[in-house]
Structure formats: C-alpha cells, structure tokens
Amino acid sequence: MTTSQKGGKLIVFSAPSGSGKTTIVRHLLSVEELNLEFSVSATSRAPRGEEEHGKDYYFLSIEDFKQKMKNDEFLEWEEVYRDNFYGTLYSEVERIWAKGKNVIFDIDVVGGLRIKKKYPERTLAVFIKPPSVEELKIRLKKRSTESEEKINIRIAKASVEMATAPRFDFIIENDDLQHALEEAEDLVAEHIAKPIFNDVTEEE
C-alpha cells in the first residue's frame, strides 16, 4: 500500500536522545505559516502515566500491530525490543494530508531514513546533532529521569545514530538553540515551497 499522489510534504527530524529535536519540532509546530501537524506513532507497548490513545500514541495490541504489518498498513515500523513495536501508519499521514497540512515527524534515525527512502521528493530529512557525545551525556544527566545504566545505553546508541547523520538531507548542530530553531524553520519553509516533480516510491 502507498499513500496517494496528492498531499502535503513530509518533514522528518531525527537525533540521539537529548539532542533537542523535540524542542525544535514543538517550535516548528507553533509556526502557523508552515502549516504542520505532528504524526502520532503507533506502538504495541502499554500506555505510561497519563498517555492518551490518539494523542501520544496509537496503542495497539501486539496481535493488532502484527496484523497491520501483514496488511502493509505501515509507512515504516521497527521492533525496538522483543514484541515492542513502533511505527507510522499510512492512515495517519492520509489523515493529516486530508486536512491540507504537512506532516512532521519526531522519529528515530531508522524510521526517518525509511520515510525518506519511500518518498524522496516529498520528504525533508533533518538530523539534529549535539555538539559532542560528552555534551549529550551531560544533558541526559541533567534531566535526572534515568539511571546511569540507561544513560550509558542511550550514549552507546547515540554513537551509532550519529554515524548515520551524512545520510540525511541536512545536519543541524544544536550548540546554540536559538540558531538551531531559526535554521530549522528556514529549511522547512524552503522545502514546503518546492514543487513536487517526481513522487514515485520504490514500491511503485
């Protein structure tokens, strides 16, 4: 299954945890001229705390998630841990496009690159890079939300993720947040203004 040929643009932001991508995405969503709406991911994990279905995630059972995979209902999906799936439903992209809006993703590097591969013309893929792995560790520690062990796991993952940065359309180094916000806004505005000449995906 593929999305329709009509619709808006896709804007992907990926980065290691603690790089500031969520802050940047939230800022872009507040810029009315960009006409963006956030893509809500589907997951097979249970809700945490006050998370709401349809707002934070689409919470699916493992069986439902796997059935949608078989039905080719996902633009991208990944098994992060055993039987712990995350993915982007084609229906979510269609829902946002039907409102006449562009879709913005706050997503891991694997998912982000898969979206770019499927829709190379429509997708702007931006990697948010921290000044250094050491700075990343400082930021994660300041959050005081995770154990030292979990932080070390995130740091190890970050090194792998940062190696994928050259595969993205643009890299924004977030050593000055205000500058990073302005750079991101300019990149997205420029991408949205571009016409789509070729929207053929690899499956077509």
N, C-alpha and C. Protein backbone atom coordinates (compact mmCIF):
# COMPACT_ATOMS: atom_id res chain seq x y z
N MET A 1 0.85 -1.20 0.00
CA MET A 1 0.00 0.00 0.00
C MET A 1 0.88 1.24 0.00
N THR A 2 0.50 2.25 -0.75
CA THR A 2 1.22 3.52 -0.74
C THR A 2 0.22 4.65 -0.56
N THR A 3 0.70 5.78 -0.09
CA THR A 3 -0.18 6.92 0.09
C THR A 3 -0.53 7.50 -1.27
N SER A 4 -1.54 8.35 -1.30
CA SER A 4 -1.99 8.94 -2.56
C SER A 4 -0.94 9.89 -3.12
N GLN A 5 -1.05 10.16 -4.40
CA GLN A 5 -0.10 11.06 -5.05
C GLN A 5 -0.35 12.52 -4.65
N LYS A 6 -1.57 12.80 -4.16
CA LYS A 6 -1.87 14.15 -3.71
C LYS A 6 -1.58 14.24 -2.22
N GLY A 7 -1.24 15.43 -1.78
CA GLY A 7 -0.98 15.60 -0.35
C GLY A 7 0.18 16.54 -0.13
N GLY A 8 0.45 16.79 1.15
CA GLY A 8 1.48 17.74 1.51
C GLY A 8 2.86 17.12 1.57
N LYS A 9 3.74 17.81 2.27
CA LYS A 9 5.13 17.37 2.41
C LYS A 9 5.30 16.57 3.71
N LEU A 10 6.43 15.88 3.77
CA LEU A 10 6.81 15.11 4.96
C LEU A 10 8.12 15.70 5.48
N ILE A 11 8.15 16.02 6.78
CA ILE A 11 9.34 16.61 7.38
C ILE A 11 9.77 15.72 8.54
N VAL A 12 10.97 15.17 8.42
CA VAL A 12 11.49 14.22 9.41
C VAL A 12 12.60 14.87 10.24
N PHE A 13 12.49 14.78 11.56
CA PHE A 13 13.56 15.20 12.45
C PHE A 13 13.99 13.99 13.27
N SER A 14 15.26 13.64 13.16
CA SER A 14 15.83 12.51 13.90
C SER A 14 17.08 12.97 14.64
N ALA A 15 17.38 12.27 15.74
CA ALA A 15 18.55 12.64 16.54
C ALA A 15 18.69 11.68 17.70
N PRO A 16 19.88 11.61 18.29
CA PRO A 16 20.03 10.86 19.53
C PRO A 16 19.20 11.54 20.63
N SER A 17 18.77 10.75 21.61
CA SER A 17 18.02 11.29 22.74
C SER A 17 18.86 12.35 23.46
N GLY A 18 18.26 13.52 23.71
CA GLY A 18 18.96 14.60 24.40
C GLY A 18 19.54 15.64 23.48
N SER A 19 19.34 15.47 22.17
CA SER A 19 19.90 16.43 21.20
C SER A 19 19.06 17.69 21.05
N GLY A 20 17.81 17.62 21.51
CA GLY A 20 16.94 18.79 21.43
C GLY A 20 15.95 18.76 20.28
N LYS A 21 15.78 17.62 19.62
CA LYS A 21 14.89 17.58 18.45
C LYS A 21 13.43 17.83 18.83
N THR A 22 13.01 17.35 20.00
CA THR A 22 11.62 17.55 20.40
C THR A 22 11.32 19.02 20.62
N THR A 23 12.26 19.75 21.19
CA THR A 23 12.11 21.20 21.38
C THR A 23 11.99 21.90 20.04
N ILE A 24 12.79 21.48 19.08
CA ILE A 24 12.77 22.09 17.74
C ILE A 24 11.45 21.78 17.03
N VAL A 25 10.99 20.54 17.13
CA VAL A 25 9.73 20.15 16.48
C VAL A 25 8.56 20.93 17.09
N ARG A 26 8.56 21.07 18.41
CA ARG A 26 7.48 21.84 19.07
C ARG A 26 7.46 23.28 18.59
N HIS A 27 8.65 23.86 18.42
CA HIS A 27 8.73 25.23 17.93
C HIS A 27 8.14 25.33 16.51
N LEU A 28 8.52 24.40 15.64
CA LEU A 28 8.04 24.42 14.26
C LEU A 28 6.52 24.26 14.19
N LEU A 29 5.96 23.44 15.07
CA LEU A 29 4.50 23.26 15.10
C LEU A 29 3.78 24.55 15.48
N SER A 30 4.47 25.44 16.19
CA SER A 30 3.86 26.71 16.61
C SER A 30 3.91 27.78 15.52
N VAL A 31 4.67 27.51 14.44
CA VAL A 31 4.79 28.48 13.34
C VAL A 31 3.66 28.23 12.34
N GLU A 32 2.61 29.04 12.40
CA GLU A 32 1.39 28.80 11.62
C GLU A 32 1.63 28.74 10.11
N GLU A 33 2.55 29.57 9.61
CA GLU A 33 2.78 29.62 8.15
C GLU A 33 3.29 28.30 7.60
N LEU A 34 3.90 27.47 8.44
CA LEU A 34 4.44 26.19 7.96
C LEU A 34 3.34 25.14 7.80
N ASN A 35 2.19 25.37 8.44
CA ASN A 35 1.02 24.50 8.27
C ASN A 35 1.35 23.04 8.58
N LEU A 36 1.93 22.81 9.76
CA LEU A 36 2.38 21.47 10.14
C LEU A 36 1.44 20.80 11.13
N GLU A 37 1.39 19.48 11.06
CA GLU A 37 0.72 18.70 12.11
C GLU A 37 1.62 17.52 12.45
N PHE A 38 1.65 17.19 13.73
CA PHE A 38 2.52 16.13 14.23
C PHE A 38 1.96 14.75 13.93
N SER A 39 2.83 13.87 13.45
CA SER A 39 2.44 12.49 13.17
C SER A 39 2.52 11.66 14.46
N VAL A 40 1.38 11.11 14.86
CA VAL A 40 1.31 10.27 16.06
C VAL A 40 1.68 8.85 15.67
N SER A 41 2.66 8.28 16.35
CA SER A 41 3.13 6.93 16.05
C SER A 41 2.23 5.89 16.69
N ALA A 42 2.25 4.69 16.14
CA ALA A 42 1.58 3.54 16.74
C ALA A 42 2.62 2.74 17.53
N THR A 43 2.18 2.09 18.61
CA THR A 43 3.09 1.26 19.39
C THR A 43 2.33 0.08 19.99
N SER A 44 3.07 -1.00 20.22
CA SER A 44 2.47 -2.19 20.84
C SER A 44 2.66 -2.18 22.35
N ARG A 45 3.35 -1.17 22.88
CA ARG A 45 3.55 -1.14 24.34
C ARG A 45 2.32 -0.53 25.02
N ALA A 46 2.22 -0.76 26.31
CA ALA A 46 1.09 -0.23 27.08
C ALA A 46 1.29 1.26 27.37
N PRO A 47 0.21 2.01 27.56
CA PRO A 47 0.34 3.43 27.91
C PRO A 47 1.07 3.61 29.24
N ARG A 48 1.82 4.72 29.34
CA ARG A 48 2.52 5.04 30.59
C ARG A 48 1.93 6.31 31.18
N GLY A 49 1.74 6.31 32.48
CA GLY A 49 1.26 7.52 33.16
C GLY A 49 -0.05 8.02 32.59
N GLU A 50 -0.04 9.28 32.12
CA GLU A 50 -1.26 9.90 31.61
C GLU A 50 -1.31 9.90 30.08
N GLU A 51 -0.53 9.05 29.44
CA GLU A 51 -0.55 8.99 27.98
C GLU A 51 -1.94 8.63 27.46
N GLU A 52 -2.33 9.28 26.35
CA GLU A 52 -3.66 9.07 25.79
C GLU A 52 -3.57 8.46 24.39
N HIS A 53 -4.49 7.53 24.12
CA HIS A 53 -4.58 6.92 22.79
C HIS A 53 -4.99 7.99 21.78
N GLY A 54 -4.27 8.07 20.67
CA GLY A 54 -4.59 9.03 19.62
C GLY A 54 -3.93 10.39 19.80
N LYS A 55 -3.41 10.63 21.00
CA LYS A 55 -2.73 11.91 21.26
C LYS A 55 -1.23 11.67 21.39
N ASP A 56 -0.84 10.77 22.30
CA ASP A 56 0.58 10.47 22.50
C ASP A 56 1.03 9.36 21.55
N TYR A 57 0.21 8.32 21.45
CA TYR A 57 0.45 7.19 20.55
C TYR A 57 -0.88 6.57 20.18
N TYR A 58 -0.87 5.75 19.14
CA TYR A 58 -1.98 4.83 18.89
C TYR A 58 -1.55 3.52 19.55
N PHE A 59 -2.20 3.18 20.64
CA PHE A 59 -1.81 1.98 21.39
C PHE A 59 -2.54 0.75 20.80
N LEU A 60 -1.75 -0.17 20.28
CA LEU A 60 -2.29 -1.38 19.67
C LEU A 60 -1.80 -2.61 20.42
N SER A 61 -2.58 -3.68 20.37
CA SER A 61 -2.09 -4.94 20.93
C SER A 61 -1.01 -5.47 19.99
N ILE A 62 -0.19 -6.39 20.48
CA ILE A 62 0.85 -6.98 19.62
C ILE A 62 0.20 -7.65 18.41
N GLU A 63 -0.94 -8.33 18.65
CA GLU A 63 -1.65 -9.03 17.57
C GLU A 63 -2.14 -8.03 16.51
N ASP A 64 -2.73 -6.91 16.96
CA ASP A 64 -3.22 -5.89 16.02
C ASP A 64 -2.06 -5.28 15.23
N PHE A 65 -0.97 -5.01 15.93
CA PHE A 65 0.19 -4.40 15.27
C PHE A 65 0.72 -5.34 14.18
N LYS A 66 0.87 -6.61 14.52
CA LYS A 66 1.40 -7.58 13.55
C LYS A 66 0.44 -7.77 12.37
N GLN A 67 -0.87 -7.69 12.63
CA GLN A 67 -1.84 -7.81 11.55
C GLN A 67 -1.73 -6.63 10.59
N LYS A 68 -1.55 -5.44 11.14
CA LYS A 68 -1.38 -4.24 10.30
C LYS A 68 -0.08 -4.33 9.50
N MET A 69 0.95 -4.94 10.08
CA MET A 69 2.20 -5.16 9.34
C MET A 69 1.93 -6.07 8.14
N LYS A 70 1.18 -7.16 8.38
CA LYS A 70 0.85 -8.10 7.30
C LYS A 70 0.03 -7.43 6.21
N ASN A 71 -0.83 -6.49 6.63
CA ASN A 71 -1.69 -5.79 5.67
C ASN A 71 -0.97 -4.63 4.98
N ASP A 72 0.31 -4.44 5.30
CA ASP A 72 1.12 -3.35 4.72
C ASP A 72 0.51 -1.98 5.02
N GLU A 73 0.09 -1.80 6.27
CA GLU A 73 -0.55 -0.54 6.67
C GLU A 73 0.45 0.47 7.25
N PHE A 74 1.72 0.08 7.34
CA PHE A 74 2.73 0.97 7.93
C PHE A 74 3.64 1.58 6.87
N LEU A 75 3.86 2.88 7.00
CA LEU A 75 4.86 3.56 6.18
C LEU A 75 6.25 3.10 6.62
N GLU A 76 6.43 2.92 7.92
CA GLU A 76 7.67 2.37 8.48
C GLU A 76 7.33 1.78 9.83
N TRP A 77 8.08 0.77 10.23
CA TRP A 77 7.91 0.19 11.56
C TRP A 77 9.24 -0.41 12.01
N GLU A 78 9.34 -0.61 13.32
CA GLU A 78 10.57 -1.17 13.87
C GLU A 78 10.25 -1.92 15.16
N GLU A 79 10.91 -3.05 15.36
CA GLU A 79 10.80 -3.77 16.62
C GLU A 79 11.97 -3.32 17.49
N VAL A 80 11.70 -2.39 18.40
CA VAL A 80 12.75 -1.78 19.21
C VAL A 80 13.30 -2.78 20.23
N TYR A 81 12.40 -3.47 20.89
CA TYR A 81 12.75 -4.59 21.77
C TYR A 81 11.84 -5.74 21.39
N ARG A 82 12.07 -6.91 21.94
CA ARG A 82 11.24 -8.07 21.58
C ARG A 82 9.75 -7.78 21.83
N ASP A 83 8.94 -7.92 20.79
CA ASP A 83 7.49 -7.67 20.83
C ASP A 83 7.14 -6.25 21.28
N ASN A 84 8.08 -5.32 21.10
CA ASN A 84 7.83 -3.91 21.42
C ASN A 84 8.02 -3.13 20.12
N PHE A 85 6.89 -2.91 19.43
CA PHE A 85 6.92 -2.32 18.09
C PHE A 85 6.51 -0.85 18.10
N TYR A 86 7.13 -0.11 17.18
CA TYR A 86 6.73 1.27 16.93
C TYR A 86 6.63 1.45 15.42
N GLY A 87 5.70 2.30 14.97
CA GLY A 87 5.60 2.51 13.53
C GLY A 87 4.71 3.69 13.18
N THR A 88 4.74 4.06 11.90
CA THR A 88 3.91 5.15 11.37
C THR A 88 2.88 4.55 10.42
N LEU A 89 1.61 4.73 10.74
CA LEU A 89 0.53 4.22 9.89
C LEU A 89 0.33 5.13 8.68
N TYR A 90 0.11 4.50 7.52
CA TYR A 90 -0.23 5.28 6.33
C TYR A 90 -1.48 6.12 6.60
N SER A 91 -2.43 5.56 7.36
CA SER A 91 -3.68 6.27 7.65
C SER A 91 -3.45 7.56 8.42
N GLU A 92 -2.38 7.61 9.22
CA GLU A 92 -2.06 8.83 9.97
C GLU A 92 -1.59 9.93 9.02
N VAL A 93 -0.75 9.55 8.06
CA VAL A 93 -0.28 10.52 7.06
C VAL A 93 -1.46 11.00 6.22
N GLU A 94 -2.32 10.08 5.79
CA GLU A 94 -3.50 10.44 4.99
C GLU A 94 -4.44 11.36 5.77
N ARG A 95 -4.58 11.10 7.07
CA ARG A 95 -5.45 11.93 7.92
C ARG A 95 -4.98 13.38 7.94
N ILE A 96 -3.67 13.56 8.07
CA ILE A 96 -3.11 14.91 8.13
C ILE A 96 -3.17 15.58 6.76
N TRP A 97 -2.83 14.83 5.71
CA TRP A 97 -2.91 15.39 4.35
C TRP A 97 -4.34 15.80 4.00
N ALA A 98 -5.33 15.03 4.47
CA ALA A 98 -6.74 15.34 4.17
C ALA A 98 -7.14 16.69 4.77
N LYS A 99 -6.43 17.12 5.80
CA LYS A 99 -6.69 18.42 6.41
C LYS A 99 -5.94 19.54 5.69
N GLY A 100 -5.17 19.17 4.65
CA GLY A 100 -4.40 20.16 3.89
C GLY A 100 -3.13 20.59 4.59
N LYS A 101 -2.63 19.74 5.49
CA LYS A 101 -1.43 20.09 6.24
C LYS A 101 -0.22 19.25 5.83
N ASN A 102 0.96 19.72 6.24
CA ASN A 102 2.20 18.97 6.05
C ASN A 102 2.48 18.16 7.31
N VAL A 103 3.12 17.01 7.14
CA VAL A 103 3.34 16.09 8.27
C VAL A 103 4.76 16.25 8.82
N ILE A 104 4.87 16.41 10.14
CA ILE A 104 6.19 16.49 10.76
C ILE A 104 6.37 15.30 11.72
N PHE A 105 7.56 14.70 11.68
CA PHE A 105 7.87 13.52 12.48
C PHE A 105 9.01 13.81 13.45
N ASP A 106 8.87 13.34 14.68
CA ASP A 106 9.95 13.30 15.67
C ASP A 106 10.21 11.81 15.84
N ILE A 107 11.22 11.29 15.15
CA ILE A 107 11.33 9.84 14.97
C ILE A 107 12.79 9.40 15.01
N ASP A 108 13.02 8.12 15.29
CA ASP A 108 14.40 7.64 15.36
C ASP A 108 15.02 7.58 13.95
N VAL A 109 16.33 7.43 13.90
CA VAL A 109 17.04 7.53 12.61
C VAL A 109 16.62 6.45 11.62
N VAL A 110 16.34 5.25 12.12
CA VAL A 110 15.95 4.14 11.22
C VAL A 110 14.63 4.47 10.54
N GLY A 111 13.63 4.87 11.33
CA GLY A 111 12.33 5.21 10.77
C GLY A 111 12.40 6.42 9.85
N GLY A 112 13.19 7.42 10.26
CA GLY A 112 13.33 8.63 9.45
C GLY A 112 13.90 8.35 8.08
N LEU A 113 14.92 7.51 8.02
CA LEU A 113 15.55 7.19 6.74
C LEU A 113 14.65 6.32 5.86
N ARG A 114 13.81 5.49 6.49
CA ARG A 114 12.86 4.68 5.71
C ARG A 114 11.81 5.56 5.04
N ILE A 115 11.35 6.58 5.76
CA ILE A 115 10.37 7.50 5.18
C ILE A 115 11.00 8.25 4.01
N LYS A 116 12.24 8.70 4.19
CA LYS A 116 12.94 9.41 3.13
C LYS A 116 13.12 8.53 1.90
N LYS A 117 13.41 7.25 2.13
CA LYS A 117 13.62 6.31 1.03
C LYS A 117 12.34 6.09 0.23
N LYS A 118 11.20 6.04 0.93
CA LYS A 118 9.93 5.80 0.26
C LYS A 118 9.41 7.03 -0.48
N TYR A 119 9.65 8.21 0.09
CA TYR A 119 9.16 9.44 -0.52
C TYR A 119 10.28 10.47 -0.63
N PRO A 120 11.25 10.22 -1.51
CA PRO A 120 12.43 11.09 -1.60
C PRO A 120 12.11 12.53 -2.00
N GLU A 121 11.08 12.73 -2.83
CA GLU A 121 10.73 14.10 -3.25
C GLU A 121 9.96 14.85 -2.17
N ARG A 122 9.07 14.17 -1.52
CA ARG A 122 8.20 14.83 -0.54
C ARG A 122 8.89 15.05 0.81
N THR A 123 9.93 14.29 1.09
CA THR A 123 10.49 14.27 2.46
C THR A 123 11.74 15.12 2.62
N LEU A 124 11.73 15.93 3.66
CA LEU A 124 12.93 16.64 4.12
C LEU A 124 13.39 15.90 5.38
N ALA A 125 14.59 15.34 5.34
CA ALA A 125 15.12 14.59 6.50
C ALA A 125 16.24 15.39 7.14
N VAL A 126 16.03 15.78 8.40
CA VAL A 126 16.99 16.62 9.12
C VAL A 126 17.51 15.88 10.35
N PHE A 127 18.82 15.87 10.51
CA PHE A 127 19.45 15.24 11.67
C PHE A 127 19.91 16.34 12.63
N ILE A 128 19.49 16.23 13.89
CA ILE A 128 19.90 17.19 14.91
C ILE A 128 21.10 16.60 15.66
N LYS A 129 22.21 17.27 15.55
CA LYS A 129 23.47 16.75 16.12
C LYS A 129 23.85 17.54 17.37
N PRO A 130 24.12 16.84 18.46
CA PRO A 130 24.62 17.54 19.66
C PRO A 130 26.08 17.95 19.42
N PRO A 131 26.59 18.94 20.15
CA PRO A 131 27.97 19.36 19.96
C PRO A 131 28.98 18.22 20.11
N SER A 132 28.66 17.28 21.02
CA SER A 132 29.55 16.13 21.24
C SER A 132 28.80 15.07 22.04
N VAL A 133 29.33 13.87 22.06
CA VAL A 133 28.74 12.80 22.87
C VAL A 133 28.85 13.15 24.35
N GLU A 134 29.95 13.82 24.72
CA GLU A 134 30.15 14.22 26.12
C GLU A 134 29.06 15.21 26.55
N GLU A 135 28.76 16.17 25.67
CA GLU A 135 27.72 17.16 25.97
C GLU A 135 26.35 16.46 26.08
N LEU A 136 26.14 15.47 25.24
CA LEU A 136 24.89 14.70 25.27
C LEU A 136 24.72 14.02 26.62
N LYS A 137 25.79 13.45 27.13
CA LYS A 137 25.74 12.76 28.43
C LYS A 137 25.41 13.76 29.55
N ILE A 138 25.98 14.95 29.46
CA ILE A 138 25.70 16.00 30.46
C ILE A 138 24.21 16.36 30.43
N ARG A 139 23.66 16.53 29.22
CA ARG A 139 22.24 16.89 29.07
C ARG A 139 21.33 15.80 29.63
N LEU A 140 21.66 14.54 29.33
CA LEU A 140 20.84 13.43 29.82
C LEU A 140 20.90 13.33 31.35
N LYS A 141 22.07 13.59 31.92
CA LYS A 141 22.20 13.55 33.38
C LYS A 141 21.39 14.68 34.03
N LYS A 142 21.36 15.84 33.38
CA LYS A 142 20.62 16.99 33.92
C LYS A 142 19.12 16.72 33.99
N ARG A 143 18.63 15.86 33.09
CA ARG A 143 17.21 15.52 33.09
C ARG A 143 16.81 14.81 34.39
N SER A 144 17.75 14.07 34.98
CA SER A 144 17.52 13.31 36.22
C SER A 144 16.30 12.38 36.13
N THR A 145 16.08 11.81 34.96
CA THR A 145 14.91 10.93 34.78
C THR A 145 15.31 9.47 34.60
N GLU A 146 16.60 9.21 34.43
CA GLU A 146 17.02 7.84 34.14
C GLU A 146 18.26 7.45 34.95
N SER A 147 18.44 6.15 35.12
CA SER A 147 19.58 5.64 35.85
C SER A 147 20.86 5.80 35.02
N GLU A 148 21.98 5.67 35.68
CA GLU A 148 23.29 5.76 35.00
C GLU A 148 23.39 4.70 33.91
N GLU A 149 22.85 3.51 34.22
CA GLU A 149 22.90 2.41 33.25
C GLU A 149 22.12 2.76 31.98
N LYS A 150 20.90 3.32 32.16
CA LYS A 150 20.08 3.68 31.00
C LYS A 150 20.73 4.81 30.20
N ILE A 151 21.34 5.74 30.90
CA ILE A 151 22.04 6.83 30.21
C ILE A 151 23.17 6.28 29.36
N ASN A 152 23.92 5.33 29.91
CA ASN A 152 25.04 4.72 29.16
C ASN A 152 24.55 3.97 27.93
N ILE A 153 23.38 3.32 28.06
CA ILE A 153 22.78 2.63 26.90
C ILE A 153 22.43 3.65 25.82
N ARG A 154 21.84 4.77 26.23
CA ARG A 154 21.47 5.83 25.28
C ARG A 154 22.71 6.42 24.60
N ILE A 155 23.78 6.57 25.36
CA ILE A 155 25.02 7.13 24.82
C ILE A 155 25.62 6.19 23.78
N ALA A 156 25.60 4.89 24.08
CA ALA A 156 26.11 3.89 23.13
C ALA A 156 25.30 3.92 21.85
N LYS A 157 23.97 4.04 22.00
CA LYS A 157 23.08 4.12 20.83
C LYS A 157 23.33 5.40 20.05
N ALA A 158 23.59 6.50 20.78
CA ALA A 158 23.82 7.80 20.15
C ALA A 158 25.02 7.76 19.21
N SER A 159 26.07 7.06 19.60
CA SER A 159 27.27 6.97 18.76
C SER A 159 26.95 6.30 17.43
N VAL A 160 26.11 5.26 17.48
CA VAL A 160 25.68 4.56 16.26
C VAL A 160 24.80 5.48 15.41
N GLU A 161 23.86 6.17 16.08
CA GLU A 161 22.94 7.06 15.37
C GLU A 161 23.69 8.21 14.69
N MET A 162 24.68 8.76 15.37
CA MET A 162 25.42 9.90 14.80
C MET A 162 26.18 9.50 13.54
N ALA A 163 26.50 8.22 13.42
CA ALA A 163 27.20 7.74 12.22
C ALA A 163 26.29 7.79 10.99
N THR A 164 24.96 7.84 11.21
CA THR A 164 24.00 7.89 10.08
C THR A 164 23.75 9.32 9.60
N ALA A 165 24.24 10.31 10.33
CA ALA A 165 23.96 11.72 10.01
C ALA A 165 24.19 12.09 8.54
N PRO A 166 25.28 11.64 7.90
CA PRO A 166 25.51 12.02 6.50
C PRO A 166 24.44 11.54 5.51
N ARG A 167 23.60 10.59 5.94
CA ARG A 167 22.56 10.07 5.06
C ARG A 167 21.32 10.97 5.04
N PHE A 168 21.30 11.96 5.92
CA PHE A 168 20.18 12.90 5.97
C PHE A 168 20.42 14.07 5.02
N ASP A 169 19.33 14.79 4.68
CA ASP A 169 19.45 15.93 3.76
C ASP A 169 20.26 17.06 4.38
N PHE A 170 20.03 17.29 5.66
CA PHE A 170 20.73 18.38 6.36
C PHE A 170 21.07 17.94 7.78
N ILE A 171 22.15 18.52 8.29
CA ILE A 171 22.55 18.31 9.69
C ILE A 171 22.54 19.66 10.38
N ILE A 172 21.82 19.77 11.48
CA ILE A 172 21.83 20.99 12.28
C ILE A 172 22.55 20.67 13.58
N GLU A 173 23.64 21.39 13.85
CA GLU A 173 24.35 21.18 15.11
C GLU A 173 23.73 22.08 16.17
N ASN A 174 23.16 21.44 17.18
CA ASN A 174 22.43 22.19 18.20
C ASN A 174 23.35 22.59 19.37
N ASP A 175 24.27 23.52 19.09
CA ASP A 175 25.09 24.06 20.17
C ASP A 175 24.57 25.42 20.62
N ASP A 176 23.67 26.01 19.81
CA ASP A 176 23.01 27.27 20.15
C ASP A 176 21.55 27.08 19.76
N LEU A 177 20.65 26.91 20.74
CA LEU A 177 19.27 26.54 20.46
C LEU A 177 18.56 27.56 19.56
N GLN A 178 18.73 28.85 19.83
CA GLN A 178 18.03 29.87 19.02
C GLN A 178 18.45 29.78 17.56
N HIS A 179 19.75 29.60 17.34
CA HIS A 179 20.24 29.46 15.97
C HIS A 179 19.70 28.20 15.31
N ALA A 180 19.64 27.11 16.09
CA ALA A 180 19.12 25.84 15.57
C ALA A 180 17.64 25.97 15.19
N LEU A 181 16.86 26.68 16.01
CA LEU A 181 15.44 26.90 15.71
C LEU A 181 15.26 27.69 14.42
N GLU A 182 16.07 28.73 14.25
CA GLU A 182 15.98 29.56 13.04
C GLU A 182 16.38 28.77 11.80
N GLU A 183 17.45 27.98 11.94
CA GLU A 183 17.92 27.18 10.80
C GLU A 183 16.87 26.15 10.40
N ALA A 184 16.27 25.50 11.39
CA ALA A 184 15.23 24.50 11.13
C ALA A 184 14.03 25.13 10.45
N GLU A 185 13.63 26.30 10.93
CA GLU A 185 12.47 27.00 10.35
C GLU A 185 12.73 27.36 8.88
N ASP A 186 13.92 27.84 8.60
CA ASP A 186 14.27 28.21 7.21
C ASP A 186 14.27 26.98 6.30
N LEU A 187 14.84 25.87 6.76
CA LEU A 187 14.90 24.65 5.96
C LEU A 187 13.51 24.12 5.64
N VAL A 188 12.63 24.11 6.65
CA VAL A 188 11.28 23.59 6.46
C VAL A 188 10.48 24.50 5.52
N ALA A 189 10.59 25.81 5.70
CA ALA A 189 9.87 26.75 4.83
C ALA A 189 10.30 26.59 3.37
N GLU A 190 11.60 26.42 3.17
CA GLU A 190 12.13 26.24 1.81
C GLU A 190 11.62 24.93 1.19
N HIS A 191 11.60 23.87 1.99
CA HIS A 191 11.14 22.57 1.49
C HIS A 191 9.66 22.61 1.12
N ILE A 192 8.85 23.23 1.95
CA ILE A 192 7.41 23.30 1.70
C ILE A 192 7.11 24.08 0.43
N ALA A 193 7.94 25.09 0.14
CA ALA A 193 7.72 25.93 -1.04
C ALA A 193 8.08 25.23 -2.36
N LYS A 194 8.86 24.15 -2.28
CA LYS A 194 9.30 23.46 -3.50
C LYS A 194 8.17 22.64 -4.12
N PRO A 195 8.05 22.66 -5.47
CA PRO A 195 7.07 21.81 -6.13
C PRO A 195 7.54 20.35 -6.12
N ILE A 196 6.59 19.44 -6.24
CA ILE A 196 6.93 18.01 -6.31
C ILE A 196 6.89 17.59 -7.78
N PHE A 197 8.04 17.19 -8.32
CA PHE A 197 8.12 16.78 -9.72
C PHE A 197 7.98 15.28 -9.89
N ASN A 198 8.50 14.54 -8.92
CA ASN A 198 8.51 13.09 -9.05
C ASN A 198 8.18 12.47 -7.70
N ASP A 199 7.02 11.81 -7.63
CA ASP A 199 6.57 11.25 -6.35
C ASP A 199 6.49 9.73 -6.43
N VAL A 200 7.33 9.12 -7.24
CA VAL A 200 7.30 7.68 -7.38
C VAL A 200 8.10 7.05 -6.25
N THR A 201 7.47 6.15 -5.51
CA THR A 201 8.18 5.47 -4.44
C THR A 201 8.86 4.23 -4.99
N GLU A 202 9.72 3.64 -4.19
CA GLU A 202 10.46 2.46 -4.65
C GLU A 202 9.56 1.27 -4.92
N GLU A 203 8.38 1.24 -4.27
CA GLU A 203 7.47 0.09 -4.46
C GLU A 203 6.66 0.19 -5.73
N GLU A 204 6.59 1.39 -6.33
CA GLU A 204 5.71 1.60 -7.47
C GLU A 204 6.40 1.32 -8.80
